[in-house]
Amino acid sequence: MAIVDFRKSINGLIVVVEQNMSLNSFRDALFVFCNKKRDKVKILCPLPVN
């Protein structure tokens, strides 16, 4: 898990995935982020668009 600033919105997490991790944020994957204390998580789960 990557430690991120939890003030980031969903758009901020997408930027972390695409720029910092060099990954496509819309692929079939779960992206899990935790805060510095590691007592909270945020999960980015892209849904398919029909």
PDB file of N, CA and C in Angstrom:
ATOM      1  N   MET A   1       0.829  -1.181   0.000  1.00  0.00           N
ATOM      2  CA  MET A   1       0.000   0.000   0.000  1.00  0.00           C
ATOM      3  C   MET A   1       0.876   1.249   0.000  1.00  0.00           C
ATOM      4  N   ALA A   2       0.379   2.258  -0.655  1.00  0.00           N
ATOM      5  CA  ALA A   2       1.084   3.534  -0.701  1.00  0.00           C
ATOM      6  C   ALA A   2       0.458   4.489   0.310  1.00  0.00           C
ATOM      7  N   ILE A   3       1.292   5.249   0.983  1.00  0.00           N
ATOM      8  CA  ILE A   3       0.792   6.251   1.930  1.00  0.00           C
ATOM      9  C   ILE A   3       0.483   7.517   1.141  1.00  0.00           C
ATOM     10  N   VAL A   4      -0.751   8.015   1.279  1.00  0.00           N
ATOM     11  CA  VAL A   4      -1.157   9.226   0.564  1.00  0.00           C
ATOM     12  C   VAL A   4      -1.817  10.203   1.526  1.00  0.00           C
ATOM     13  N   ASP A   5      -1.863  11.450   1.096  1.00  0.00           N
ATOM     14  CA  ASP A   5      -2.564  12.490   1.833  1.00  0.00           C
ATOM     15  C   ASP A   5      -4.055  12.224   1.691  1.00  0.00           C
ATOM     16  N   PHE A   6      -4.745  11.965   2.775  1.00  0.00           N
ATOM     17  CA  PHE A   6      -6.149  11.594   2.724  1.00  0.00           C
ATOM     18  C   PHE A   6      -7.068  12.762   2.399  1.00  0.00           C
ATOM     19  N   ARG A   7      -6.520  13.949   2.224  1.00  0.00           N
ATOM     20  CA  ARG A   7      -7.330  15.076   1.759  1.00  0.00           C
ATOM     21  C   ARG A   7      -7.552  15.003   0.254  1.00  0.00           C
ATOM     22  N   LYS A   8      -6.822  14.101  -0.405  1.00  0.00           N
ATOM     23  CA  LYS A   8      -6.974  13.946  -1.854  1.00  0.00           C
ATOM     24  C   LYS A   8      -8.353  13.401  -2.193  1.00  0.00           C
ATOM     25  N   SER A   9      -8.927  13.948  -3.252  1.00  0.00           N
ATOM     26  CA  SER A   9     -10.209  13.447  -3.745  1.00  0.00           C
ATOM     27  C   SER A   9      -9.943  12.236  -4.638  1.00  0.00           C
ATOM     28  N   ILE A  10     -11.002  11.703  -5.202  1.00  0.00           N
ATOM     29  CA  ILE A  10     -10.851  10.571  -6.115  1.00  0.00           C
ATOM     30  C   ILE A  10      -9.978  10.964  -7.303  1.00  0.00           C
ATOM     31  N   ASN A  11     -10.126  12.199  -7.781  1.00  0.00           N
ATOM     32  CA  ASN A  11      -9.296  12.669  -8.892  1.00  0.00           C
ATOM     33  C   ASN A  11      -7.826  12.734  -8.501  1.00  0.00           C
ATOM     34  N   GLY A  12      -7.541  13.122  -7.262  1.00  0.00           N
ATOM     35  CA  GLY A  12      -6.166  13.149  -6.774  1.00  0.00           C
ATOM     36  C   GLY A  12      -5.554  11.767  -6.704  1.00  0.00           C
ATOM     37  N   LEU A  13      -6.357  10.776  -6.323  1.00  0.00           N
ATOM     38  CA  LEU A  13      -5.861   9.400  -6.283  1.00  0.00           C
ATOM     39  C   LEU A  13      -5.585   8.876  -7.689  1.00  0.00           C
ATOM     40  N   ILE A  14      -6.411   9.260  -8.643  1.00  0.00           N
ATOM     41  CA  ILE A  14      -6.166   8.868 -10.033  1.00  0.00           C
ATOM     42  C   ILE A  14      -4.838   9.435 -10.513  1.00  0.00           C
ATOM     43  N   VAL A  15      -4.538  10.672 -10.140  1.00  0.00           N
ATOM     44  CA  VAL A  15      -3.254  11.294 -10.508  1.00  0.00           C
ATOM     45  C   VAL A  15      -2.101  10.511  -9.888  1.00  0.00           C
ATOM     46  N   VAL A  16      -2.232  10.093  -8.636  1.00  0.00           N
ATOM     47  CA  VAL A  16      -1.185   9.299  -7.977  1.00  0.00           C
ATOM     48  C   VAL A  16      -0.938   8.007  -8.757  1.00  0.00           C
ATOM     49  N   VAL A  17      -2.003   7.325  -9.134  1.00  0.00           N
ATOM     50  CA  VAL A  17      -1.871   6.062  -9.873  1.00  0.00           C
ATOM     51  C   VAL A  17      -1.203   6.300 -11.220  1.00  0.00           C
ATOM     52  N   GLU A  18      -1.677   7.295 -11.948  1.00  0.00           N
ATOM     53  CA  GLU A  18      -1.180   7.494 -13.307  1.00  0.00           C
ATOM     54  C   GLU A  18       0.204   8.125 -13.371  1.00  0.00           C
ATOM     55  N   GLN A  19       0.494   9.095 -12.503  1.00  0.00           N
ATOM     56  CA  GLN A  19       1.777   9.790 -12.594  1.00  0.00           C
ATOM     57  C   GLN A  19       2.853   9.174 -11.706  1.00  0.00           C
ATOM     58  N   ASN A  20       2.536   8.887 -10.457  1.00  0.00           N
ATOM     59  CA  ASN A  20       3.551   8.367  -9.535  1.00  0.00           C
ATOM     60  C   ASN A  20       3.829   6.890  -9.755  1.00  0.00           C
ATOM     61  N   MET A  21       2.781   6.118 -10.102  1.00  0.00           N
ATOM     62  CA  MET A  21       2.944   4.682 -10.286  1.00  0.00           C
ATOM     63  C   MET A  21       3.070   4.294 -11.757  1.00  0.00           C
ATOM     64  N   SER A  22       2.855   5.249 -12.658  1.00  0.00           N
ATOM     65  CA  SER A  22       2.907   5.008 -14.108  1.00  0.00           C
ATOM     66  C   SER A  22       1.998   3.858 -14.536  1.00  0.00           C
ATOM     67  N   LEU A  23       0.787   3.839 -13.982  1.00  0.00           N
ATOM     68  CA  LEU A  23      -0.187   2.805 -14.319  1.00  0.00           C
ATOM     69  C   LEU A  23      -1.449   3.444 -14.872  1.00  0.00           C
ATOM     70  N   ASN A  24      -2.220   2.650 -15.588  1.00  0.00           N
ATOM     71  CA  ASN A  24      -3.511   3.091 -16.095  1.00  0.00           C
ATOM     72  C   ASN A  24      -4.533   2.917 -14.981  1.00  0.00           C
ATOM     73  N   SER A  25      -5.163   3.997 -14.562  1.00  0.00           N
ATOM     74  CA  SER A  25      -6.098   3.925 -13.434  1.00  0.00           C
ATOM     75  C   SER A  25      -7.427   3.268 -13.802  1.00  0.00           C
ATOM     76  N   PHE A  26      -7.656   3.009 -15.089  1.00  0.00           N
ATOM     77  CA  PHE A  26      -8.918   2.417 -15.510  1.00  0.00           C
ATOM     78  C   PHE A  26      -8.774   0.960 -15.920  1.00  0.00           C
ATOM     79  N   ARG A  27      -7.687   0.326 -15.571  1.00  0.00           N
ATOM     80  CA  ARG A  27      -7.537  -1.094 -15.884  1.00  0.00           C
ATOM     81  C   ARG A  27      -8.238  -1.925 -14.809  1.00  0.00           C
ATOM     82  N   ASP A  28      -8.314  -3.214 -15.037  1.00  0.00           N
ATOM     83  CA  ASP A  28      -8.966  -4.115 -14.079  1.00  0.00           C
ATOM     84  C   ASP A  28      -8.051  -4.361 -12.887  1.00  0.00           C
ATOM     85  N   ALA A  29      -8.160  -3.485 -11.903  1.00  0.00           N
ATOM     86  CA  ALA A  29      -7.310  -3.603 -10.717  1.00  0.00           C
ATOM     87  C   ALA A  29      -7.933  -2.816  -9.568  1.00  0.00           C
ATOM     88  N   LEU A  30      -7.505  -3.136  -8.363  1.00  0.00           N
ATOM     89  CA  LEU A  30      -7.852  -2.355  -7.177  1.00  0.00           C
ATOM     90  C   LEU A  30      -6.600  -1.606  -6.750  1.00  0.00           C
ATOM     91  N   PHE A  31      -6.760  -0.345  -6.416  1.00  0.00           N
ATOM     92  CA  PHE A  31      -5.646   0.448  -5.912  1.00  0.00           C
ATOM     93  C   PHE A  31      -5.978   0.822  -4.479  1.00  0.00           C
ATOM     94  N   VAL A  32      -5.142   0.398  -3.545  1.00  0.00           N
ATOM     95  CA  VAL A  32      -5.398   0.593  -2.116  1.00  0.00           C
ATOM     96  C   VAL A  32      -4.386   1.585  -1.560  1.00  0.00           C
ATOM     97  N   PHE A  33      -4.888   2.607  -0.879  1.00  0.00           N
ATOM     98  CA  PHE A  33      -4.054   3.646  -0.283  1.00  0.00           C
ATOM     99  C   PHE A  33      -4.319   3.694   1.214  1.00  0.00           C
ATOM    100  N   CYS A  34      -3.289   4.020   1.985  1.00  0.00           N
ATOM    101  CA  CYS A  34      -3.479   4.162   3.430  1.00  0.00           C
ATOM    102  C   CYS A  34      -2.899   5.500   3.884  1.00  0.00           C
ATOM    103  N   ASN A  35      -3.373   5.941   5.052  1.00  0.00           N
ATOM    104  CA  ASN A  35      -2.843   7.178   5.610  1.00  0.00           C
ATOM    105  C   ASN A  35      -1.537   6.889   6.344  1.00  0.00           C
ATOM    106  N   LYS A  36      -0.898   7.933   6.833  1.00  0.00           N
ATOM    107  CA  LYS A  36       0.410   7.783   7.480  1.00  0.00           C
ATOM    108  C   LYS A  36       0.352   6.873   8.705  1.00  0.00           C
ATOM    109  N   LYS A  37      -0.730   6.971   9.487  1.00  0.00           N
ATOM    110  CA  LYS A  37      -0.876   6.124  10.673  1.00  0.00           C
ATOM    111  C   LYS A  37      -1.258   4.689  10.330  1.00  0.00           C
ATOM    112  N   ARG A  38      -1.645   4.487   9.081  1.00  0.00           N
ATOM    113  CA  ARG A  38      -2.090   3.177   8.602  1.00  0.00           C
ATOM    114  C   ARG A  38      -3.306   2.654   9.369  1.00  0.00           C
ATOM    115  N   ASP A  39      -4.187   3.586   9.734  1.00  0.00           N
ATOM    116  CA  ASP A  39      -5.413   3.163  10.406  1.00  0.00           C
ATOM    117  C   ASP A  39      -6.656   3.413   9.550  1.00  0.00           C
ATOM    118  N   LYS A  40      -6.440   3.935   8.329  1.00  0.00           N
ATOM    119  CA  LYS A  40      -7.531   4.167   7.392  1.00  0.00           C
ATOM    120  C   LYS A  40      -7.063   3.805   5.992  1.00  0.00           C
ATOM    121  N   VAL A  41      -7.985   3.345   5.172  1.00  0.00           N
ATOM    122  CA  VAL A  41      -7.652   3.037   3.779  1.00  0.00           C
ATOM    123  C   VAL A  41      -8.680   3.668   2.858  1.00  0.00           C
ATOM    124  N   LYS A  42      -8.238   3.922   1.631  1.00  0.00           N
ATOM    125  CA  LYS A  42      -9.102   4.335   0.531  1.00  0.00           C
ATOM    126  C   LYS A  42      -8.823   3.371  -0.597  1.00  0.00           C
ATOM    127  N   ILE A  43      -9.887   2.926  -1.253  1.00  0.00           N
ATOM    128  CA  ILE A  43      -9.743   1.958  -2.337  1.00  0.00           C
ATOM    129  C   ILE A  43     -10.307   2.559  -3.621  1.00  0.00           C
ATOM    130  N   LEU A  44      -9.492   2.560  -4.655  1.00  0.00           N
ATOM    131  CA  LEU A  44      -9.910   3.018  -5.977  1.00  0.00           C
ATOM    132  C   LEU A  44     -10.207   1.773  -6.797  1.00  0.00           C
ATOM    133  N   CYS A  45     -11.466   1.618  -7.166  1.00  0.00           N
ATOM    134  CA  CYS A  45     -11.914   0.444  -7.902  1.00  0.00           C
ATOM    135  C   CYS A  45     -12.631   0.908  -9.160  1.00  0.00           C
ATOM    136  N   PRO A  46     -11.937   0.970 -10.277  1.00  0.00           N
ATOM    137  CA  PRO A  46     -12.566   1.428 -11.516  1.00  0.00           C
ATOM    138  C   PRO A  46     -13.681   0.476 -11.955  1.00  0.00           C
ATOM    139  N   LEU A  47     -14.809   1.048 -12.357  1.00  0.00           N
ATOM    140  CA  LEU A  47     -15.924   0.255 -12.850  1.00  0.00           C
ATOM    141  C   LEU A  47     -15.955   0.351 -14.374  1.00  0.00           C
ATOM    142  N   PRO A  48     -16.327  -0.736 -15.044  1.00  0.00           N
ATOM    143  CA  PRO A  48     -16.392  -0.691 -16.511  1.00  0.00           C
ATOM    144  C   PRO A  48     -17.498   0.259 -16.972  1.00  0.00           C
ATOM    145  N   VAL A  49     -17.217   0.941 -18.056  1.00  0.00           N
ATOM    146  CA  VAL A  49     -18.186   1.855 -18.652  1.00  0.00           C
ATOM    147  C   VAL A  49     -18.831   1.147 -19.829  1.00  0.00           C
ATOM    148  N   ASN A  50     -20.147   1.099 -19.848  1.00  0.00           N
ATOM    149  CA  ASN A  50     -20.852   0.422 -20.956  1.00  0.00           C
ATOM    150  C   ASN A  50     -21.219   1.388 -22.044  1.00  0.00           C
TER     151      ASN A  50
END
